[in-house]
Amino acid sequence: MTTLTPQKPVTPRTEGVIPAPNRDRRTRRDDGGEDGWRELVDAVREAGRYPTRAEAESVTRIVLSALGGHVVGDERVDLARALPEEAARVIASQIPATRPLTAAEFVDSLATRIEGATPATARWDTSSVLSVLPPLVGDALVTRILDRLPPGYALLFGRAELSRAK
């Protein structure tokens, strides 16, 4: 089983330098970029039980690309910062969506972008990618992202979605 472990932020130990305050923000994995991307794709391949690495990589790019259009502001910046370099580029290169999609609309939009996908397989693909993100980017960031997205996305990230008391 491939396990993605977030790298701890490095605090400079230079005399006279005051370290930046810890804002519970993770920094991008500094493992050559390509290795981090490979680990992410391998985790998606395992989560989604894809027969080939190429299929897992394609799904990862498509889902992250779509997510990049729906995560905005500080959450988008922090997400890109926490991901391997290639994944960060995929997220950051997207133009923000003009209107937020419900989780069901998001999955349906992915079904049109993933070759041969149905709504059911697109949901599987989406969850296979998004469910590997929390251990990589941290639960606090995922919670912030989910707070900014319409209801229904938590399940795609592998979380139970609790309804709020009225």
C-alpha atoms as a PDB file:
ATOM      1  CA  MET A   1       0.000   0.000   0.000  1.00  0.00           C
ATOM      2  CA  THR A   2       1.396   3.386  -0.978  1.00  0.00           C
ATOM      3  CA  THR A   3       1.193   5.948   1.793  1.00  0.00           C
ATOM      4  CA  LEU A   4       1.694   9.617   1.140  1.00  0.00           C
ATOM      5  CA  THR A   5       3.271  11.401   4.059  1.00  0.00           C
ATOM      6  CA  PRO A   6       3.304  15.162   4.132  1.00  0.00           C
ATOM      7  CA  GLN A   7       6.708  16.727   4.587  1.00  0.00           C
ATOM      8  CA  LYS A   8       7.077  18.982   7.594  1.00  0.00           C
ATOM      9  CA  PRO A   9       7.778  22.633   6.829  1.00  0.00           C
ATOM     10  CA  VAL A  10      11.422  23.535   7.236  1.00  0.00           C
ATOM     11  CA  THR A  11      12.156  26.366   9.653  1.00  0.00           C
ATOM     12  CA  PRO A  12      15.454  28.150   8.969  1.00  0.00           C
ATOM     13  CA  ARG A  13      17.967  27.954  11.816  1.00  0.00           C
ATOM     14  CA  THR A  14      19.946  31.021  10.794  1.00  0.00           C
ATOM     15  CA  GLU A  15      21.097  33.281  13.643  1.00  0.00           C
ATOM     16  CA  GLY A  16      19.139  36.511  13.826  1.00  0.00           C
ATOM     17  CA  VAL A  17      16.291  35.259  11.619  1.00  0.00           C
ATOM     18  CA  ILE A  18      12.862  35.084  13.173  1.00  0.00           C
ATOM     19  CA  PRO A  19      10.910  32.121  11.792  1.00  0.00           C
ATOM     20  CA  ALA A  20       7.516  32.820  10.249  1.00  0.00           C
ATOM     21  CA  PRO A  21       4.537  31.939  12.463  1.00  0.00           C
ATOM     22  CA  ASN A  22       3.141  28.438  12.000  1.00  0.00           C
ATOM     23  CA  ARG A  23      -0.254  28.847  10.379  1.00  0.00           C
ATOM     24  CA  ASP A  24      -0.790  25.083  10.051  1.00  0.00           C
ATOM     25  CA  ARG A  25      -0.084  25.385   6.346  1.00  0.00           C
ATOM     26  CA  ARG A  26       1.854  22.611   4.735  1.00  0.00           C
ATOM     27  CA  THR A  27       4.570  23.277   2.218  1.00  0.00           C
ATOM     28  CA  ARG A  28       4.945  21.597  -1.136  1.00  0.00           C
ATOM     29  CA  ARG A  29       6.682  18.262  -0.994  1.00  0.00           C
ATOM     30  CA  ASP A  30      10.312  18.861  -1.828  1.00  0.00           C
ATOM     31  CA  ASP A  31      11.245  15.490  -3.245  1.00  0.00           C
ATOM     32  CA  GLY A  32      12.260  16.420  -6.751  1.00  0.00           C
ATOM     33  CA  GLY A  33       8.705  17.165  -7.887  1.00  0.00           C
ATOM     34  CA  GLU A  34       8.454  14.187 -10.163  1.00  0.00           C
ATOM     35  CA  ASP A  35       8.699  11.706  -7.284  1.00  0.00           C
ATOM     36  CA  GLY A  36       5.876  13.464  -5.437  1.00  0.00           C
ATOM     37  CA  TRP A  37       3.704  13.360  -8.552  1.00  0.00           C
ATOM     38  CA  ARG A  38       4.512   9.671  -9.008  1.00  0.00           C
ATOM     39  CA  GLU A  39       3.542   8.955  -5.384  1.00  0.00           C
ATOM     40  CA  LEU A  40       0.257  10.827  -5.825  1.00  0.00           C
ATOM     41  CA  VAL A  41      -0.604   8.932  -9.026  1.00  0.00           C
ATOM     42  CA  ASP A  42       0.365   5.623  -7.418  1.00  0.00           C
ATOM     43  CA  ALA A  43      -1.907   6.390  -4.449  1.00  0.00           C
ATOM     44  CA  VAL A  44      -4.770   7.177  -6.858  1.00  0.00           C
ATOM     45  CA  ARG A  45      -4.032   3.993  -8.796  1.00  0.00           C
ATOM     46  CA  GLU A  46      -4.281   1.963  -5.609  1.00  0.00           C
ATOM     47  CA  ALA A  47      -7.379   3.769  -4.308  1.00  0.00           C
ATOM     48  CA  GLY A  48      -9.182   3.412  -7.630  1.00  0.00           C
ATOM     49  CA  ARG A  49      -7.741  -0.005  -8.485  1.00  0.00           C
ATOM     50  CA  TYR A  50      -6.738   1.206 -11.942  1.00  0.00           C
ATOM     51  CA  PRO A  51      -5.027  -1.434 -14.096  1.00  0.00           C
ATOM     52  CA  THR A  52      -2.362   0.947 -15.412  1.00  0.00           C
ATOM     53  CA  ARG A  53      -0.433   3.901 -14.104  1.00  0.00           C
ATOM     54  CA  ALA A  54      -1.327   5.818 -17.287  1.00  0.00           C
ATOM     55  CA  GLU A  55      -5.050   5.479 -16.552  1.00  0.00           C
ATOM     56  CA  ALA A  56      -4.553   6.649 -12.960  1.00  0.00           C
ATOM     57  CA  GLU A  57      -2.469   9.604 -14.152  1.00  0.00           C
ATOM     58  CA  SER A  58      -5.095  10.637 -16.697  1.00  0.00           C
ATOM     59  CA  VAL A  59      -7.880  10.524 -14.108  1.00  0.00           C
ATOM     60  CA  THR A  60      -5.721  12.409 -11.605  1.00  0.00           C
ATOM     61  CA  ARG A  61      -5.048  15.225 -14.083  1.00  0.00           C
ATOM     62  CA  ILE A  62      -8.697  15.532 -15.112  1.00  0.00           C
ATOM     63  CA  VAL A  63     -10.067  15.558 -11.561  1.00  0.00           C
ATOM     64  CA  LEU A  64      -7.437  17.970 -10.228  1.00  0.00           C
ATOM     65  CA  SER A  65      -8.014  20.208 -13.233  1.00  0.00           C
ATOM     66  CA  ALA A  66     -11.738  20.362 -12.500  1.00  0.00           C
ATOM     67  CA  LEU A  67     -11.117  20.905  -8.790  1.00  0.00           C
ATOM     68  CA  GLY A  68      -8.738  23.759  -9.621  1.00  0.00           C
ATOM     69  CA  GLY A  69     -11.600  25.678 -11.172  1.00  0.00           C
ATOM     70  CA  HIS A  70     -13.750  25.363  -8.055  1.00  0.00           C
ATOM     71  CA  VAL A  71     -11.286  25.962  -5.240  1.00  0.00           C
ATOM     72  CA  VAL A  72     -10.477  29.666  -5.021  1.00  0.00           C
ATOM     73  CA  GLY A  73      -8.715  32.192  -2.828  1.00  0.00           C
ATOM     74  CA  ASP A  74      -6.339  31.205  -0.051  1.00  0.00           C
ATOM     75  CA  GLU A  75      -7.571  27.626  -0.173  1.00  0.00           C
ATOM     76  CA  ARG A  76      -6.480  27.308  -3.794  1.00  0.00           C
ATOM     77  CA  VAL A  77      -3.069  28.815  -3.028  1.00  0.00           C
ATOM     78  CA  ASP A  78      -2.591  26.575   0.011  1.00  0.00           C
ATOM     79  CA  LEU A  79      -3.736  23.499  -1.894  1.00  0.00           C
ATOM     80  CA  ALA A  80      -1.274  24.171  -4.699  1.00  0.00           C
ATOM     81  CA  ARG A  81       1.459  24.803  -2.140  1.00  0.00           C
ATOM     82  CA  ALA A  82       0.767  21.479  -0.380  1.00  0.00           C
ATOM     83  CA  LEU A  83       0.719  19.335  -3.525  1.00  0.00           C
ATOM     84  CA  PRO A  84       3.615  18.000  -5.579  1.00  0.00           C
ATOM     85  CA  GLU A  85       4.769  20.505  -8.204  1.00  0.00           C
ATOM     86  CA  GLU A  86       3.024  18.874 -11.183  1.00  0.00           C
ATOM     87  CA  ALA A  87      -0.289  18.625  -9.300  1.00  0.00           C
ATOM     88  CA  ALA A  88       0.093  22.245  -8.194  1.00  0.00           C
ATOM     89  CA  ARG A  89       0.482  23.313 -11.821  1.00  0.00           C
ATOM     90  CA  VAL A  90      -2.682  21.430 -12.794  1.00  0.00           C
ATOM     91  CA  ILE A  91      -4.664  23.094  -9.982  1.00  0.00           C
ATOM     92  CA  ALA A  92      -3.253  26.596 -10.458  1.00  0.00           C
ATOM     93  CA  SER A  93      -3.591  26.695 -14.237  1.00  0.00           C
ATOM     94  CA  GLN A  94      -7.382  26.607 -14.146  1.00  0.00           C
ATOM     95  CA  ILE A  95      -9.622  29.608 -14.629  1.00  0.00           C
ATOM     96  CA  PRO A  96     -12.035  29.918 -11.702  1.00  0.00           C
ATOM     97  CA  ALA A  97     -15.534  28.662 -12.457  1.00  0.00           C
ATOM     98  CA  THR A  98     -18.207  31.284 -13.027  1.00  0.00           C
ATOM     99  CA  ARG A  99     -20.605  29.478 -10.715  1.00  0.00           C
ATOM    100  CA  PRO A 100     -20.054  26.771  -8.127  1.00  0.00           C
ATOM    101  CA  LEU A 101     -21.256  23.320  -9.115  1.00  0.00           C
ATOM    102  CA  THR A 102     -23.044  21.029  -6.729  1.00  0.00           C
ATOM    103  CA  ALA A 103     -21.145  17.823  -6.041  1.00  0.00           C
ATOM    104  CA  ALA A 104     -23.461  15.930  -8.410  1.00  0.00           C
ATOM    105  CA  GLU A 105     -22.940  18.519 -11.172  1.00  0.00           C
ATOM    106  CA  PHE A 106     -19.194  18.379 -10.581  1.00  0.00           C
ATOM    107  CA  VAL A 107     -19.173  14.596 -11.036  1.00  0.00           C
ATOM    108  CA  ASP A 108     -21.449  14.839 -14.094  1.00  0.00           C
ATOM    109  CA  SER A 109     -19.079  17.400 -15.642  1.00  0.00           C
ATOM    110  CA  LEU A 110     -16.204  14.979 -15.099  1.00  0.00           C
ATOM    111  CA  ALA A 111     -18.166  12.178 -16.767  1.00  0.00           C
ATOM    112  CA  THR A 112     -18.037  14.205 -19.987  1.00  0.00           C
ATOM    113  CA  ARG A 113     -14.264  14.723 -19.675  1.00  0.00           C
ATOM    114  CA  ILE A 114     -13.161  11.193 -18.764  1.00  0.00           C
ATOM    115  CA  GLU A 115     -13.078   8.890 -21.767  1.00  0.00           C
ATOM    116  CA  GLY A 116     -15.766   6.197 -21.592  1.00  0.00           C
ATOM    117  CA  ALA A 117     -17.056   7.375 -18.208  1.00  0.00           C
ATOM    118  CA  THR A 118     -20.594   7.095 -16.934  1.00  0.00           C
ATOM    119  CA  PRO A 119     -21.876   9.123 -13.969  1.00  0.00           C
ATOM    120  CA  ALA A 120     -21.168   6.108 -11.727  1.00  0.00           C
ATOM    121  CA  THR A 121     -17.605   5.594 -12.952  1.00  0.00           C
ATOM    122  CA  ALA A 122     -16.959   9.342 -12.849  1.00  0.00           C
ATOM    123  CA  ARG A 123     -17.972   9.341  -9.174  1.00  0.00           C
ATOM    124  CA  TRP A 124     -15.537   6.463  -8.574  1.00  0.00           C
ATOM    125  CA  ASP A 125     -12.780   8.327 -10.423  1.00  0.00           C
ATOM    126  CA  THR A 126     -13.440  11.564  -8.562  1.00  0.00           C
ATOM    127  CA  SER A 127     -13.427   9.873  -5.163  1.00  0.00           C
ATOM    128  CA  SER A 128     -10.307   7.904  -6.064  1.00  0.00           C
ATOM    129  CA  VAL A 129      -8.428  11.163  -6.582  1.00  0.00           C
ATOM    130  CA  LEU A 130      -9.970  13.381  -3.919  1.00  0.00           C
ATOM    131  CA  SER A 131      -9.861  10.760  -1.158  1.00  0.00           C
ATOM    132  CA  VAL A 132      -6.058  10.578  -1.328  1.00  0.00           C
ATOM    133  CA  LEU A 133      -5.672  14.325  -0.773  1.00  0.00           C
ATOM    134  CA  PRO A 134      -6.474  14.628   2.987  1.00  0.00           C
ATOM    135  CA  PRO A 135      -3.432  12.639   4.180  1.00  0.00           C
ATOM    136  CA  LEU A 136      -1.252  14.605   1.772  1.00  0.00           C
ATOM    137  CA  VAL A 137      -2.471  18.170   2.308  1.00  0.00           C
ATOM    138  CA  GLY A 138      -3.861  17.897   5.834  1.00  0.00           C
ATOM    139  CA  ASP A 139      -7.344  17.680   7.289  1.00  0.00           C
ATOM    140  CA  ALA A 140      -7.428  21.364   8.244  1.00  0.00           C
ATOM    141  CA  LEU A 141      -6.986  22.460   4.622  1.00  0.00           C
ATOM    142  CA  VAL A 142      -9.543  19.925   3.380  1.00  0.00           C
ATOM    143  CA  THR A 143     -12.024  21.254   5.958  1.00  0.00           C
ATOM    144  CA  ARG A 144     -11.428  24.815   4.721  1.00  0.00           C
ATOM    145  CA  ILE A 145     -11.917  23.709   1.112  1.00  0.00           C
ATOM    146  CA  LEU A 146     -15.129  21.876   1.963  1.00  0.00           C
ATOM    147  CA  ASP A 147     -16.438  24.913   3.845  1.00  0.00           C
ATOM    148  CA  ARG A 148     -16.134  26.937   0.609  1.00  0.00           C
ATOM    149  CA  LEU A 149     -17.697  24.313  -1.701  1.00  0.00           C
ATOM    150  CA  PRO A 150     -21.420  23.535  -1.950  1.00  0.00           C
ATOM    151  CA  PRO A 151     -22.732  20.640   0.185  1.00  0.00           C
ATOM    152  CA  GLY A 152     -22.032  17.123  -1.055  1.00  0.00           C
ATOM    153  CA  TYR A 153     -18.289  17.304  -1.715  1.00  0.00           C
ATOM    154  CA  ALA A 154     -17.258  15.761   1.626  1.00  0.00           C
ATOM    155  CA  LEU A 155     -18.188  12.271   0.448  1.00  0.00           C
ATOM    156  CA  LEU A 156     -15.958  12.710  -2.594  1.00  0.00           C
ATOM    157  CA  PHE A 157     -13.047  13.440  -0.228  1.00  0.00           C
ATOM    158  CA  GLY A 158     -13.832  10.292   1.751  1.00  0.00           C
ATOM    159  CA  ARG A 159     -15.533  12.064   4.639  1.00  0.00           C
ATOM    160  CA  ALA A 160     -18.984  11.705   6.104  1.00  0.00           C
ATOM    161  CA  GLU A 161     -21.050  14.808   5.524  1.00  0.00           C
ATOM    162  CA  LEU A 162     -22.951  15.796   8.600  1.00  0.00           C
ATOM    163  CA  SER A 163     -25.903  18.110   8.265  1.00  0.00           C
ATOM    164  CA  ARG A 164     -25.764  21.250  10.340  1.00  0.00           C
ATOM    165  CA  ALA A 165     -28.328  21.862  13.068  1.00  0.00           C
ATOM    166  CA  LYS A 166     -30.898  24.474  12.103  1.00  0.00           C
END
